[in-house]
Amino acid sequence: MTTNTNDLVITTATVTAWVDRYLTAWETNDPQDIAGLFTEDGEYHESPYETDWIGRDEIVAGWRSRWDWQQGGWSFDWEIVSIDGATAVITGVGRYTKLGDFDNQWTVTFRTPELCESFVMVNTERDGNE
Protein backbone atom coordinates (compact mmCIF):
# COMPACT_ATOMS: atom_id res chain seq x y z
CA MET A 1 0.00 0.00 0.00
CA THR A 2 1.42 3.38 -1.01
CA THR A 3 0.95 6.01 1.62
CA ASN A 4 1.62 9.72 1.70
CA THR A 5 0.18 10.37 5.13
CA ASN A 6 3.34 11.73 6.78
CA ASP A 7 2.31 15.35 6.26
CA LEU A 8 -1.44 14.90 6.75
CA VAL A 9 -2.76 16.03 10.09
CA ILE A 10 -6.39 15.26 10.75
CA THR A 11 -8.61 16.95 13.31
CA THR A 12 -11.52 16.00 15.52
CA ALA A 13 -13.80 17.58 12.90
CA THR A 14 -12.22 15.43 10.17
CA VAL A 15 -12.74 12.24 12.14
CA THR A 16 -16.27 13.17 13.17
CA ALA A 17 -17.28 13.91 9.58
CA TRP A 18 -15.80 10.60 8.40
CA VAL A 19 -17.51 8.56 11.15
CA ASP A 20 -20.80 10.30 10.36
CA ARG A 21 -20.40 9.24 6.71
CA TYR A 22 -19.45 5.71 7.84
CA LEU A 23 -22.65 5.44 9.89
CA THR A 24 -24.69 6.76 6.96
CA ALA A 25 -23.13 4.11 4.72
CA TRP A 26 -23.85 1.41 7.32
CA GLU A 27 -27.47 2.58 7.36
CA THR A 28 -27.96 2.86 3.59
CA ASN A 29 -25.71 0.00 2.41
CA ASP A 30 -25.32 2.08 -0.76
CA PRO A 31 -22.18 1.15 -2.75
CA GLN A 32 -21.38 4.81 -3.45
CA ASP A 33 -21.67 5.75 0.23
CA ILE A 34 -19.32 2.90 1.17
CA ALA A 35 -16.84 3.55 -1.65
CA GLY A 36 -16.72 7.23 -0.70
CA LEU A 37 -15.05 6.32 2.59
CA PHE A 38 -11.99 4.45 1.28
CA THR A 39 -9.09 4.92 -1.10
CA GLU A 40 -8.97 2.74 -4.23
CA ASP A 41 -6.27 0.57 -2.58
CA GLY A 42 -7.75 0.82 0.92
CA GLU A 43 -7.61 -1.99 3.46
CA TYR A 44 -10.29 -3.11 5.94
CA HIS A 45 -9.25 -5.58 8.64
CA GLU A 46 -11.36 -6.89 11.50
CA SER A 47 -10.34 -9.20 14.31
CA PRO A 48 -10.90 -11.65 15.81
CA TYR A 49 -12.80 -12.41 12.61
CA GLU A 50 -10.97 -13.22 9.39
CA THR A 51 -11.96 -10.05 7.63
CA ASP A 52 -9.23 -8.79 5.32
CA TRP A 53 -10.75 -6.80 2.49
CA ILE A 54 -8.14 -5.26 0.21
CA GLY A 55 -9.17 -2.60 -2.31
CA ARG A 56 -12.29 -0.46 -2.50
CA ASP A 57 -14.27 -2.99 -4.56
CA GLU A 58 -13.63 -5.79 -2.06
CA ILE A 59 -14.50 -3.50 0.85
CA VAL A 60 -17.81 -2.55 -0.78
CA ALA A 61 -18.68 -6.19 -1.54
CA GLY A 62 -17.75 -7.38 1.95
CA TRP A 63 -19.60 -4.55 3.65
CA ARG A 64 -22.76 -5.16 1.61
CA SER A 65 -22.66 -8.86 2.53
CA ARG A 66 -23.42 -7.81 6.13
CA TRP A 67 -26.65 -6.03 5.31
CA ASP A 68 -28.70 -8.58 7.24
CA TRP A 69 -26.97 -7.50 10.47
CA GLN A 70 -28.74 -4.15 10.47
CA GLN A 71 -32.21 -5.60 10.06
CA GLY A 72 -34.24 -5.22 13.23
CA GLY A 73 -32.32 -2.15 14.34
CA TRP A 74 -28.88 -1.05 15.50
CA SER A 75 -27.06 1.84 17.12
CA PHE A 76 -23.43 2.86 17.53
CA ASP A 77 -22.10 5.10 20.31
CA TRP A 78 -18.51 6.19 19.83
CA GLU A 79 -15.73 8.55 20.88
CA ILE A 80 -12.31 9.57 19.66
CA VAL A 81 -9.56 8.25 21.92
CA SER A 82 -6.58 9.80 20.14
CA ILE A 83 -5.36 11.44 16.96
CA ASP A 84 -1.75 11.21 15.84
CA GLY A 85 -1.02 12.79 12.46
CA ALA A 86 -3.17 10.94 9.93
CA THR A 87 -4.34 8.20 12.32
CA ALA A 88 -7.26 8.22 14.73
CA VAL A 89 -8.24 5.66 17.35
CA ILE A 90 -11.97 5.42 18.01
CA THR A 91 -13.82 3.30 20.54
CA GLY A 92 -17.48 2.47 20.39
CA VAL A 93 -20.28 0.10 21.22
CA GLY A 94 -22.40 -1.37 18.43
CA ARG A 95 -25.79 -2.65 19.51
CA TYR A 96 -27.69 -4.95 17.16
CA THR A 97 -31.17 -6.27 17.83
CA LYS A 98 -30.30 -9.51 16.01
CA LEU A 99 -26.69 -10.00 17.16
CA GLY A 100 -26.21 -8.37 20.56
CA ASP A 101 -23.66 -5.79 21.68
CA PHE A 102 -20.05 -5.41 20.53
CA ASP A 103 -17.18 -3.30 21.86
CA ASN A 104 -15.20 -1.81 18.97
CA GLN A 105 -11.79 -0.24 18.70
CA TRP A 106 -11.02 1.30 15.32
CA THR A 107 -7.65 2.48 14.11
CA VAL A 108 -8.30 4.61 11.05
CA THR A 109 -5.48 5.98 8.91
CA PHE A 110 -6.43 8.66 6.41
CA ARG A 111 -4.79 9.40 3.08
CA THR A 112 -6.90 12.53 2.64
CA PRO A 113 -9.35 14.14 5.05
CA GLU A 114 -12.16 12.29 3.27
CA LEU A 115 -10.60 8.91 2.47
CA CYS A 116 -9.33 6.15 4.75
CA GLU A 117 -6.48 4.00 3.49
CA SER A 118 -6.36 1.59 6.44
CA PHE A 119 -9.20 0.56 8.75
CA VAL A 120 -8.39 -1.90 11.53
CA MET A 121 -11.15 -2.95 13.93
CA VAL A 122 -11.05 -5.10 17.03
CA ASN A 123 -14.62 -6.26 17.53
CA THR A 124 -15.41 -7.97 20.83
CA GLU A 125 -18.83 -9.45 21.57
CA ARG A 126 -20.16 -8.55 25.02
CA ASP A 127 -21.57 -11.14 27.39
CA GLY A 128 -25.36 -11.12 27.51
CA ASN A 129 -25.30 -9.83 31.11
CA GLU A 130 -23.54 -6.53 30.44
C-alpha atoms as a PDB file:
ATOM      1  CA  MET A   1       0.000   0.000   0.000  1.00  0.00           C
ATOM      2  CA  THR A   2       1.420   3.378  -1.011  1.00  0.00           C
ATOM      3  CA  THR A   3       0.954   6.006   1.622  1.00  0.00           C
ATOM      4  CA  ASN A   4       1.622   9.723   1.698  1.00  0.00           C
ATOM      5  CA  THR A   5       0.185  10.372   5.131  1.00  0.00           C
ATOM      6  CA  ASN A   6       3.337  11.727   6.776  1.00  0.00           C
ATOM      7  CA  ASP A   7       2.309  15.347   6.258  1.00  0.00           C
ATOM      8  CA  LEU A   8      -1.435  14.901   6.747  1.00  0.00           C
ATOM      9  CA  VAL A   9      -2.757  16.029  10.094  1.00  0.00           C
ATOM     10  CA  ILE A  10      -6.393  15.261  10.753  1.00  0.00           C
ATOM     11  CA  THR A  11      -8.605  16.953  13.309  1.00  0.00           C
ATOM     12  CA  THR A  12     -11.521  16.004  15.519  1.00  0.00           C
ATOM     13  CA  ALA A  13     -13.799  17.581  12.904  1.00  0.00           C
ATOM     14  CA  THR A  14     -12.221  15.430  10.166  1.00  0.00           C
ATOM     15  CA  VAL A  15     -12.738  12.241  12.140  1.00  0.00           C
ATOM     16  CA  THR A  16     -16.272  13.168  13.174  1.00  0.00           C
ATOM     17  CA  ALA A  17     -17.280  13.906   9.583  1.00  0.00           C
ATOM     18  CA  TRP A  18     -15.797  10.595   8.400  1.00  0.00           C
ATOM     19  CA  VAL A  19     -17.507   8.561  11.148  1.00  0.00           C
ATOM     20  CA  ASP A  20     -20.802  10.298  10.359  1.00  0.00           C
ATOM     21  CA  ARG A  21     -20.403   9.237   6.711  1.00  0.00           C
ATOM     22  CA  TYR A  22     -19.451   5.709   7.843  1.00  0.00           C
ATOM     23  CA  LEU A  23     -22.653   5.445   9.885  1.00  0.00           C
ATOM     24  CA  THR A  24     -24.693   6.758   6.961  1.00  0.00           C
ATOM     25  CA  ALA A  25     -23.134   4.113   4.715  1.00  0.00           C
ATOM     26  CA  TRP A  26     -23.845   1.412   7.316  1.00  0.00           C
ATOM     27  CA  GLU A  27     -27.468   2.585   7.361  1.00  0.00           C
ATOM     28  CA  THR A  28     -27.958   2.857   3.586  1.00  0.00           C
ATOM     29  CA  ASN A  29     -25.706   0.003   2.407  1.00  0.00           C
ATOM     30  CA  ASP A  30     -25.317   2.083  -0.762  1.00  0.00           C
ATOM     31  CA  PRO A  31     -22.182   1.146  -2.754  1.00  0.00           C
ATOM     32  CA  GLN A  32     -21.379   4.812  -3.450  1.00  0.00           C
ATOM     33  CA  ASP A  33     -21.671   5.747   0.230  1.00  0.00           C
ATOM     34  CA  ILE A  34     -19.321   2.896   1.169  1.00  0.00           C
ATOM     35  CA  ALA A  35     -16.841   3.546  -1.648  1.00  0.00           C
ATOM     36  CA  GLY A  36     -16.718   7.228  -0.701  1.00  0.00           C
ATOM     37  CA  LEU A  37     -15.045   6.319   2.593  1.00  0.00           C
ATOM     38  CA  PHE A  38     -11.987   4.454   1.282  1.00  0.00           C
ATOM     39  CA  THR A  39      -9.085   4.916  -1.104  1.00  0.00           C
ATOM     40  CA  GLU A  40      -8.967   2.739  -4.227  1.00  0.00           C
ATOM     41  CA  ASP A  41      -6.270   0.571  -2.584  1.00  0.00           C
ATOM     42  CA  GLY A  42      -7.747   0.823   0.921  1.00  0.00           C
ATOM     43  CA  GLU A  43      -7.612  -1.990   3.456  1.00  0.00           C
ATOM     44  CA  TYR A  44     -10.287  -3.108   5.942  1.00  0.00           C
ATOM     45  CA  HIS A  45      -9.249  -5.575   8.645  1.00  0.00           C
ATOM     46  CA  GLU A  46     -11.360  -6.888  11.503  1.00  0.00           C
ATOM     47  CA  SER A  47     -10.341  -9.198  14.305  1.00  0.00           C
ATOM     48  CA  PRO A  48     -10.902 -11.653  15.811  1.00  0.00           C
ATOM     49  CA  TYR A  49     -12.798 -12.406  12.608  1.00  0.00           C
ATOM     50  CA  GLU A  50     -10.972 -13.221   9.394  1.00  0.00           C
ATOM     51  CA  THR A  51     -11.958 -10.046   7.627  1.00  0.00           C
ATOM     52  CA  ASP A  52      -9.226  -8.787   5.319  1.00  0.00           C
ATOM     53  CA  TRP A  53     -10.749  -6.798   2.491  1.00  0.00           C
ATOM     54  CA  ILE A  54      -8.143  -5.255   0.206  1.00  0.00           C
ATOM     55  CA  GLY A  55      -9.172  -2.603  -2.311  1.00  0.00           C
ATOM     56  CA  ARG A  56     -12.289  -0.462  -2.504  1.00  0.00           C
ATOM     57  CA  ASP A  57     -14.269  -2.990  -4.562  1.00  0.00           C
ATOM     58  CA  GLU A  58     -13.631  -5.794  -2.057  1.00  0.00           C
ATOM     59  CA  ILE A  59     -14.504  -3.501   0.854  1.00  0.00           C
ATOM     60  CA  VAL A  60     -17.812  -2.550  -0.781  1.00  0.00           C
ATOM     61  CA  ALA A  61     -18.685  -6.188  -1.544  1.00  0.00           C
ATOM     62  CA  GLY A  62     -17.750  -7.377   1.948  1.00  0.00           C
ATOM     63  CA  TRP A  63     -19.600  -4.546   3.646  1.00  0.00           C
ATOM     64  CA  ARG A  64     -22.755  -5.163   1.607  1.00  0.00           C
ATOM     65  CA  SER A  65     -22.660  -8.858   2.533  1.00  0.00           C
ATOM     66  CA  ARG A  66     -23.415  -7.809   6.133  1.00  0.00           C
ATOM     67  CA  TRP A  67     -26.654  -6.033   5.310  1.00  0.00           C
ATOM     68  CA  ASP A  68     -28.705  -8.578   7.244  1.00  0.00           C
ATOM     69  CA  TRP A  69     -26.967  -7.500  10.470  1.00  0.00           C
ATOM     70  CA  GLN A  70     -28.738  -4.145  10.470  1.00  0.00           C
ATOM     71  CA  GLN A  71     -32.214  -5.597  10.062  1.00  0.00           C
ATOM     72  CA  GLY A  72     -34.240  -5.221  13.227  1.00  0.00           C
ATOM     73  CA  GLY A  73     -32.321  -2.151  14.337  1.00  0.00           C
ATOM     74  CA  TRP A  74     -28.884  -1.054  15.497  1.00  0.00           C
ATOM     75  CA  SER A  75     -27.060   1.835  17.118  1.00  0.00           C
ATOM     76  CA  PHE A  76     -23.430   2.858  17.530  1.00  0.00           C
ATOM     77  CA  ASP A  77     -22.103   5.095  20.307  1.00  0.00           C
ATOM     78  CA  TRP A  78     -18.506   6.192  19.831  1.00  0.00           C
ATOM     79  CA  GLU A  79     -15.735   8.549  20.876  1.00  0.00           C
ATOM     80  CA  ILE A  80     -12.313   9.565  19.661  1.00  0.00           C
ATOM     81  CA  VAL A  81      -9.558   8.248  21.918  1.00  0.00           C
ATOM     82  CA  SER A  82      -6.582   9.800  20.136  1.00  0.00           C
ATOM     83  CA  ILE A  83      -5.365  11.439  16.959  1.00  0.00           C
ATOM     84  CA  ASP A  84      -1.749  11.215  15.839  1.00  0.00           C
ATOM     85  CA  GLY A  85      -1.020  12.788  12.462  1.00  0.00           C
ATOM     86  CA  ALA A  86      -3.168  10.938   9.931  1.00  0.00           C
ATOM     87  CA  THR A  87      -4.336   8.202  12.320  1.00  0.00           C
ATOM     88  CA  ALA A  88      -7.263   8.217  14.731  1.00  0.00           C
ATOM     89  CA  VAL A  89      -8.238   5.665  17.355  1.00  0.00           C
ATOM     90  CA  ILE A  90     -11.968   5.417  18.014  1.00  0.00           C
ATOM     91  CA  THR A  91     -13.818   3.298  20.543  1.00  0.00           C
ATOM     92  CA  GLY A  92     -17.485   2.472  20.394  1.00  0.00           C
ATOM     93  CA  VAL A  93     -20.281   0.102  21.219  1.00  0.00           C
ATOM     94  CA  GLY A  94     -22.397  -1.366  18.435  1.00  0.00           C
ATOM     95  CA  ARG A  95     -25.786  -2.646  19.513  1.00  0.00           C
ATOM     96  CA  TYR A  96     -27.691  -4.946  17.161  1.00  0.00           C
ATOM     97  CA  THR A  97     -31.167  -6.267  17.826  1.00  0.00           C
ATOM     98  CA  LYS A  98     -30.303  -9.512  16.011  1.00  0.00           C
ATOM     99  CA  LEU A  99     -26.693  -9.996  17.164  1.00  0.00           C
ATOM    100  CA  GLY A 100     -26.214  -8.366  20.555  1.00  0.00           C
ATOM    101  CA  ASP A 101     -23.661  -5.789  21.683  1.00  0.00           C
ATOM    102  CA  PHE A 102     -20.055  -5.414  20.533  1.00  0.00           C
ATOM    103  CA  ASP A 103     -17.184  -3.305  21.858  1.00  0.00           C
ATOM    104  CA  ASN A 104     -15.197  -1.811  18.973  1.00  0.00           C
ATOM    105  CA  GLN A 105     -11.786  -0.237  18.701  1.00  0.00           C
ATOM    106  CA  TRP A 106     -11.023   1.297  15.324  1.00  0.00           C
ATOM    107  CA  THR A 107      -7.654   2.479  14.112  1.00  0.00           C
ATOM    108  CA  VAL A 108      -8.302   4.606  11.048  1.00  0.00           C
ATOM    109  CA  THR A 109      -5.483   5.976   8.907  1.00  0.00           C
ATOM    110  CA  PHE A 110      -6.430   8.659   6.409  1.00  0.00           C
ATOM    111  CA  ARG A 111      -4.785   9.405   3.077  1.00  0.00           C
ATOM    112  CA  THR A 112      -6.900  12.527   2.639  1.00  0.00           C
ATOM    113  CA  PRO A 113      -9.350  14.139   5.052  1.00  0.00           C
ATOM    114  CA  GLU A 114     -12.164  12.286   3.269  1.00  0.00           C
ATOM    115  CA  LEU A 115     -10.595   8.907   2.473  1.00  0.00           C
ATOM    116  CA  CYS A 116      -9.334   6.146   4.747  1.00  0.00           C
ATOM    117  CA  GLU A 117      -6.479   4.001   3.494  1.00  0.00           C
ATOM    118  CA  SER A 118      -6.361   1.593   6.444  1.00  0.00           C
ATOM    119  CA  PHE A 119      -9.195   0.564   8.754  1.00  0.00           C
ATOM    120  CA  VAL A 120      -8.385  -1.904  11.527  1.00  0.00           C
ATOM    121  CA  MET A 121     -11.147  -2.949  13.931  1.00  0.00           C
ATOM    122  CA  VAL A 122     -11.047  -5.100  17.027  1.00  0.00           C
ATOM    123  CA  ASN A 123     -14.619  -6.257  17.528  1.00  0.00           C
ATOM    124  CA  THR A 124     -15.407  -7.967  20.834  1.00  0.00           C
ATOM    125  CA  GLU A 125     -18.833  -9.455  21.574  1.00  0.00           C
ATOM    126  CA  ARG A 126     -20.158  -8.548  25.018  1.00  0.00           C
ATOM    127  CA  ASP A 127     -21.570 -11.135  27.387  1.00  0.00           C
ATOM    128  CA  GLY A 128     -25.361 -11.121  27.510  1.00  0.00           C
ATOM    129  CA  ASN A 129     -25.302  -9.826  31.107  1.00  0.00           C
ATOM    130  CA  GLU A 130     -23.535  -6.533  30.440  1.00  0.00           C
END
